[in-house]
Amino acid sequence: MAQLKASLRPTPAPPPEPIPVTLNVNGVERTLHLAPWTTLLDALRLHLDLTGTKKGCDHGQCGACTVLVDGRRINSCLTLAAMQDGRKVTTIEGLTTGDALHPLQEAFIEHDAFQCGYCTPGQICSAAGLIAEGKATTDDEIRELMSGNLCRCGAYPNIVAAIRQAMATVATKAEGAS
């Protein structure tokens, strides 16, 4: 009887083969061979050793995993790496220019806009996307457009002040370049 039951069980399907995924990460083209279900977050952290992007909730609710894809902010835990094939991905590690910090990184330091620092990479990447979008002009708009990024330490007033300063710095640099 046991042999009959065993012979009626379907043979499990073999796992799918890894698929090639090419990403331009922080200005460097990288081709990875990943399981089809690998998230962009796991590709960055586990396969490229870019651990600045954090895994918080793994459900897209906290924003700790925010990166920029083609300049737009996304939660990297909610997108498969294969969906971003051929795209430009910028992580917190890619915001610096040589040894120079990004204006947001400088402003976060100046305004003490972090405490434990866990959410900081996602906050900064999201703020970089927010500035590029050009939609926020007031503190209320900054708060609304950053509402997908949680800070459990409650550094929100300092985060808004840092973003406001970085927006002014970026605007000044843009005017000077014109």
C-alpha atoms as a PDB file:
ATOM      1  CA  MET A   1       0.000   0.000   0.000  1.00  0.00           C
ATOM      2  CA  ALA A   2       2.832   2.438   0.893  1.00  0.00           C
ATOM      3  CA  GLN A   3       4.497   1.741  -2.471  1.00  0.00           C
ATOM      4  CA  LEU A   4       1.252   2.496  -4.283  1.00  0.00           C
ATOM      5  CA  LYS A   5       0.861   5.847  -2.469  1.00  0.00           C
ATOM      6  CA  ALA A   6       4.479   6.730  -3.185  1.00  0.00           C
ATOM      7  CA  SER A   7       4.079   5.925  -6.877  1.00  0.00           C
ATOM      8  CA  LEU A   8       0.981   8.169  -7.116  1.00  0.00           C
ATOM      9  CA  ARG A   9       2.826  11.238  -5.836  1.00  0.00           C
ATOM     10  CA  PRO A  10       3.800  13.597  -8.625  1.00  0.00           C
ATOM     11  CA  THR A  11       7.484  14.106  -9.191  1.00  0.00           C
ATOM     12  CA  PRO A  12       8.391  17.631  -8.126  1.00  0.00           C
ATOM     13  CA  ALA A  13       9.368  19.960 -10.917  1.00  0.00           C
ATOM     14  CA  PRO A  14      13.042  20.893 -10.991  1.00  0.00           C
ATOM     15  CA  PRO A  15      13.820  24.465  -9.947  1.00  0.00           C
ATOM     16  CA  PRO A  16      14.165  26.914 -12.811  1.00  0.00           C
ATOM     17  CA  GLU A  17      17.619  27.701 -14.111  1.00  0.00           C
ATOM     18  CA  PRO A  18      19.171  31.010 -13.056  1.00  0.00           C
ATOM     19  CA  ILE A  19      18.498  33.793 -15.539  1.00  0.00           C
ATOM     20  CA  PRO A  20      20.948  36.483 -16.641  1.00  0.00           C
ATOM     21  CA  VAL A  21      20.093  39.965 -15.389  1.00  0.00           C
ATOM     22  CA  THR A  22      22.170  42.979 -16.407  1.00  0.00           C
ATOM     23  CA  LEU A  23      21.977  46.072 -14.223  1.00  0.00           C
ATOM     24  CA  ASN A  24      23.929  49.304 -14.354  1.00  0.00           C
ATOM     25  CA  VAL A  25      24.549  49.709 -10.629  1.00  0.00           C
ATOM     26  CA  ASN A  26      26.114  52.964  -9.512  1.00  0.00           C
ATOM     27  CA  GLY A  27      27.600  53.479 -12.962  1.00  0.00           C
ATOM     28  CA  VAL A  28      29.009  49.950 -13.365  1.00  0.00           C
ATOM     29  CA  GLU A  29      27.328  47.399 -15.630  1.00  0.00           C
ATOM     30  CA  ARG A  30      26.931  44.093 -13.826  1.00  0.00           C
ATOM     31  CA  THR A  31      25.513  40.828 -15.168  1.00  0.00           C
ATOM     32  CA  LEU A  32      24.217  38.425 -12.570  1.00  0.00           C
ATOM     33  CA  HIS A  33      22.736  34.950 -12.894  1.00  0.00           C
ATOM     34  CA  LEU A  34      19.785  34.901 -10.514  1.00  0.00           C
ATOM     35  CA  ALA A  35      16.847  32.772  -9.565  1.00  0.00           C
ATOM     36  CA  PRO A  36      13.798  34.346 -11.255  1.00  0.00           C
ATOM     37  CA  TRP A  37      12.265  35.230  -7.868  1.00  0.00           C
ATOM     38  CA  THR A  38      15.270  37.225  -6.614  1.00  0.00           C
ATOM     39  CA  THR A  39      14.249  40.710  -5.541  1.00  0.00           C
ATOM     40  CA  LEU A  40      16.310  43.723  -6.517  1.00  0.00           C
ATOM     41  CA  LEU A  41      17.054  44.192  -2.805  1.00  0.00           C
ATOM     42  CA  ASP A  42      18.503  40.697  -2.479  1.00  0.00           C
ATOM     43  CA  ALA A  43      20.447  41.059  -5.723  1.00  0.00           C
ATOM     44  CA  LEU A  44      22.054  44.243  -4.387  1.00  0.00           C
ATOM     45  CA  ARG A  45      22.774  42.966  -0.884  1.00  0.00           C
ATOM     46  CA  LEU A  46      23.510  39.275  -1.418  1.00  0.00           C
ATOM     47  CA  HIS A  47      24.967  39.150  -4.921  1.00  0.00           C
ATOM     48  CA  LEU A  48      26.682  42.539  -5.236  1.00  0.00           C
ATOM     49  CA  ASP A  49      27.565  43.060  -1.557  1.00  0.00           C
ATOM     50  CA  LEU A  50      26.009  46.539  -1.557  1.00  0.00           C
ATOM     51  CA  THR A  51      24.709  46.446   1.997  1.00  0.00           C
ATOM     52  CA  GLY A  52      23.834  50.128   2.355  1.00  0.00           C
ATOM     53  CA  THR A  53      20.317  49.384   1.136  1.00  0.00           C
ATOM     54  CA  LYS A  54      18.499  47.890   4.119  1.00  0.00           C
ATOM     55  CA  LYS A  55      15.939  45.124   4.437  1.00  0.00           C
ATOM     56  CA  GLY A  56      13.374  46.420   6.875  1.00  0.00           C
ATOM     57  CA  CYS A  57       9.893  44.988   6.553  1.00  0.00           C
ATOM     58  CA  ASP A  58      10.343  43.130   3.228  1.00  0.00           C
ATOM     59  CA  HIS A  59       6.761  44.202   2.397  1.00  0.00           C
ATOM     60  CA  GLY A  60       7.251  47.702   0.965  1.00  0.00           C
ATOM     61  CA  GLN A  61       5.862  49.411   4.048  1.00  0.00           C
ATOM     62  CA  CYS A  62       8.938  51.020   5.628  1.00  0.00           C
ATOM     63  CA  GLY A  63      11.043  52.433   2.758  1.00  0.00           C
ATOM     64  CA  ALA A  64      14.388  51.246   4.185  1.00  0.00           C
ATOM     65  CA  CYS A  65      15.079  49.502   0.869  1.00  0.00           C
ATOM     66  CA  THR A  66      14.472  52.572  -1.339  1.00  0.00           C
ATOM     67  CA  VAL A  67      16.829  52.905  -4.300  1.00  0.00           C
ATOM     68  CA  LEU A  68      16.647  54.881  -7.534  1.00  0.00           C
ATOM     69  CA  VAL A  69      15.901  53.056 -10.790  1.00  0.00           C
ATOM     70  CA  ASP A  70      16.397  55.291 -13.809  1.00  0.00           C
ATOM     71  CA  GLY A  71      16.196  58.196 -11.354  1.00  0.00           C
ATOM     72  CA  ARG A  72      12.838  57.172  -9.856  1.00  0.00           C
ATOM     73  CA  ARG A  73      12.557  55.958  -6.291  1.00  0.00           C
ATOM     74  CA  ILE A  74      11.280  52.451  -5.732  1.00  0.00           C
ATOM     75  CA  ASN A  75      11.096  49.927  -2.905  1.00  0.00           C
ATOM     76  CA  SER A  76      13.659  47.359  -3.983  1.00  0.00           C
ATOM     77  CA  CYS A  77      12.028  44.646  -1.856  1.00  0.00           C
ATOM     78  CA  LEU A  78       8.903  44.798  -4.037  1.00  0.00           C
ATOM     79  CA  THR A  79      10.485  44.440  -7.457  1.00  0.00           C
ATOM     80  CA  LEU A  80      12.194  41.457  -8.984  1.00  0.00           C
ATOM     81  CA  ALA A  81      15.713  42.055 -10.226  1.00  0.00           C
ATOM     82  CA  ALA A  82      14.714  40.582 -13.599  1.00  0.00           C
ATOM     83  CA  MET A  83      12.093  43.335 -13.984  1.00  0.00           C
ATOM     84  CA  GLN A  84      14.890  45.917 -13.860  1.00  0.00           C
ATOM     85  CA  ASP A  85      17.090  44.225 -16.484  1.00  0.00           C
ATOM     86  CA  GLY A  86      18.995  46.860 -18.463  1.00  0.00           C
ATOM     87  CA  ARG A  87      18.125  49.709 -16.105  1.00  0.00           C
ATOM     88  CA  LYS A  88      20.260  52.126 -14.142  1.00  0.00           C
ATOM     89  CA  VAL A  89      20.131  51.478 -10.372  1.00  0.00           C
ATOM     90  CA  THR A  90      21.533  53.963  -7.873  1.00  0.00           C
ATOM     91  CA  THR A  91      22.021  52.937  -4.255  1.00  0.00           C
ATOM     92  CA  ILE A  92      23.238  55.003  -1.317  1.00  0.00           C
ATOM     93  CA  GLU A  93      26.778  53.920  -2.238  1.00  0.00           C
ATOM     94  CA  GLY A  94      26.362  55.501  -5.679  1.00  0.00           C
ATOM     95  CA  LEU A  95      25.262  58.968  -4.575  1.00  0.00           C
ATOM     96  CA  THR A  96      28.756  60.181  -3.716  1.00  0.00           C
ATOM     97  CA  THR A  97      31.062  61.690  -6.299  1.00  0.00           C
ATOM     98  CA  GLY A  98      34.537  60.413  -5.507  1.00  0.00           C
ATOM     99  CA  ASP A  99      35.176  61.418  -1.917  1.00  0.00           C
ATOM    100  CA  ALA A 100      32.563  64.186  -1.987  1.00  0.00           C
ATOM    101  CA  LEU A 101      29.290  63.465  -0.238  1.00  0.00           C
ATOM    102  CA  HIS A 102      25.984  64.126  -1.961  1.00  0.00           C
ATOM    103  CA  PRO A 103      24.311  67.352  -0.707  1.00  0.00           C
ATOM    104  CA  LEU A 104      21.677  65.201   1.013  1.00  0.00           C
ATOM    105  CA  GLN A 105      24.317  63.206   2.867  1.00  0.00           C
ATOM    106  CA  GLU A 106      25.964  66.448   4.007  1.00  0.00           C
ATOM    107  CA  ALA A 107      22.617  67.905   5.081  1.00  0.00           C
ATOM    108  CA  PHE A 108      21.651  64.758   6.996  1.00  0.00           C
ATOM    109  CA  ILE A 109      24.910  65.031   8.941  1.00  0.00           C
ATOM    110  CA  GLU A 110      24.519  68.777   9.567  1.00  0.00           C
ATOM    111  CA  HIS A 111      20.908  68.426  10.754  1.00  0.00           C
ATOM    112  CA  ASP A 112      21.442  65.206  12.735  1.00  0.00           C
ATOM    113  CA  ALA A 113      18.698  63.697  10.579  1.00  0.00           C
ATOM    114  CA  PHE A 114      19.403  60.172  11.733  1.00  0.00           C
ATOM    115  CA  GLN A 115      19.699  58.445  15.058  1.00  0.00           C
ATOM    116  CA  CYS A 116      20.169  54.710  14.738  1.00  0.00           C
ATOM    117  CA  GLY A 117      20.858  55.188  11.009  1.00  0.00           C
ATOM    118  CA  TYR A 118      18.985  52.118   9.798  1.00  0.00           C
ATOM    119  CA  CYS A 119      16.469  54.057   7.704  1.00  0.00           C
ATOM    120  CA  THR A 120      18.981  56.680   6.555  1.00  0.00           C
ATOM    121  CA  PRO A 121      20.031  55.110   3.200  1.00  0.00           C
ATOM    122  CA  GLY A 122      16.392  54.708   2.165  1.00  0.00           C
ATOM    123  CA  GLN A 123      15.516  58.200   3.401  1.00  0.00           C
ATOM    124  CA  ILE A 124      18.395  59.738   1.438  1.00  0.00           C
ATOM    125  CA  CYS A 125      17.669  57.810  -1.782  1.00  0.00           C
ATOM    126  CA  SER A 126      13.984  58.689  -1.501  1.00  0.00           C
ATOM    127  CA  ALA A 127      14.846  62.342  -0.892  1.00  0.00           C
ATOM    128  CA  ALA A 128      17.146  62.330  -3.944  1.00  0.00           C
ATOM    129  CA  GLY A 129      14.223  61.063  -6.013  1.00  0.00           C
ATOM    130  CA  LEU A 130      11.923  63.644  -4.439  1.00  0.00           C
ATOM    131  CA  ILE A 131      14.289  66.478  -5.336  1.00  0.00           C
ATOM    132  CA  ALA A 132      14.618  65.184  -8.914  1.00  0.00           C
ATOM    133  CA  GLU A 133      10.809  65.015  -9.214  1.00  0.00           C
ATOM    134  CA  GLY A 134      10.613  68.719  -8.337  1.00  0.00           C
ATOM    135  CA  LYS A 135       7.144  68.412  -6.797  1.00  0.00           C
ATOM    136  CA  ALA A 136       7.886  69.435  -3.212  1.00  0.00           C
ATOM    137  CA  THR A 137       8.098  73.129  -2.402  1.00  0.00           C
ATOM    138  CA  THR A 138       6.881  73.214   1.225  1.00  0.00           C
ATOM    139  CA  ASP A 139       7.642  71.258   4.379  1.00  0.00           C
ATOM    140  CA  ASP A 140       4.150  69.734   4.221  1.00  0.00           C
ATOM    141  CA  GLU A 141       4.793  68.524   0.674  1.00  0.00           C
ATOM    142  CA  ILE A 142       8.162  67.087   1.722  1.00  0.00           C
ATOM    143  CA  ARG A 143       6.481  65.239   4.598  1.00  0.00           C
ATOM    144  CA  GLU A 144       3.728  63.915   2.304  1.00  0.00           C
ATOM    145  CA  LEU A 145       6.089  62.797  -0.450  1.00  0.00           C
ATOM    146  CA  MET A 146       8.437  61.153   2.079  1.00  0.00           C
ATOM    147  CA  SER A 147       5.606  59.421   3.951  1.00  0.00           C
ATOM    148  CA  GLY A 148       6.604  56.027   2.554  1.00  0.00           C
ATOM    149  CA  ASN A 149       9.875  56.170   4.493  1.00  0.00           C
ATOM    150  CA  LEU A 150       9.539  55.435   8.179  1.00  0.00           C
ATOM    151  CA  CYS A 151      11.961  56.443  10.921  1.00  0.00           C
ATOM    152  CA  ARG A 152      11.374  54.516  14.124  1.00  0.00           C
ATOM    153  CA  CYS A 153      13.591  56.946  16.045  1.00  0.00           C
ATOM    154  CA  GLY A 154      11.366  59.900  15.125  1.00  0.00           C
ATOM    155  CA  ALA A 155      13.958  62.136  13.458  1.00  0.00           C
ATOM    156  CA  TYR A 156      11.310  63.515  11.086  1.00  0.00           C
ATOM    157  CA  PRO A 157      11.771  67.269  11.803  1.00  0.00           C
ATOM    158  CA  ASN A 158      15.518  66.929  11.197  1.00  0.00           C
ATOM    159  CA  ILE A 159      14.932  64.860   8.036  1.00  0.00           C
ATOM    160  CA  VAL A 160      12.628  67.554   6.623  1.00  0.00           C
ATOM    161  CA  ALA A 161      15.167  70.273   7.505  1.00  0.00           C
ATOM    162  CA  ALA A 162      17.960  68.291   5.819  1.00  0.00           C
ATOM    163  CA  ILE A 163      15.885  67.783   2.661  1.00  0.00           C
ATOM    164  CA  ARG A 164      14.965  71.478   2.582  1.00  0.00           C
ATOM    165  CA  GLN A 165      18.664  72.409   2.851  1.00  0.00           C
ATOM    166  CA  ALA A 166      19.660  69.942   0.123  1.00  0.00           C
ATOM    167  CA  MET A 167      16.886  71.256  -2.146  1.00  0.00           C
ATOM    168  CA  ALA A 168      18.281  74.776  -1.718  1.00  0.00           C
ATOM    169  CA  THR A 169      21.846  73.565  -2.357  1.00  0.00           C
ATOM    170  CA  VAL A 170      20.832  71.701  -5.522  1.00  0.00           C
ATOM    171  CA  ALA A 171      18.827  74.713  -6.751  1.00  0.00           C
ATOM    172  CA  THR A 172      21.778  77.054  -6.109  1.00  0.00           C
ATOM    173  CA  LYS A 173      24.155  74.751  -7.991  1.00  0.00           C
ATOM    174  CA  ALA A 174      21.681  74.500 -10.884  1.00  0.00           C
ATOM    175  CA  GLU A 175      21.384  78.302 -11.077  1.00  0.00           C
ATOM    176  CA  GLY A 176      25.173  78.648 -10.996  1.00  0.00           C
ATOM    177  CA  ALA A 177      25.537  76.157 -13.845  1.00  0.00           C
ATOM    178  CA  SER A 178      23.064  78.098 -16.015  1.00  0.00           C
END
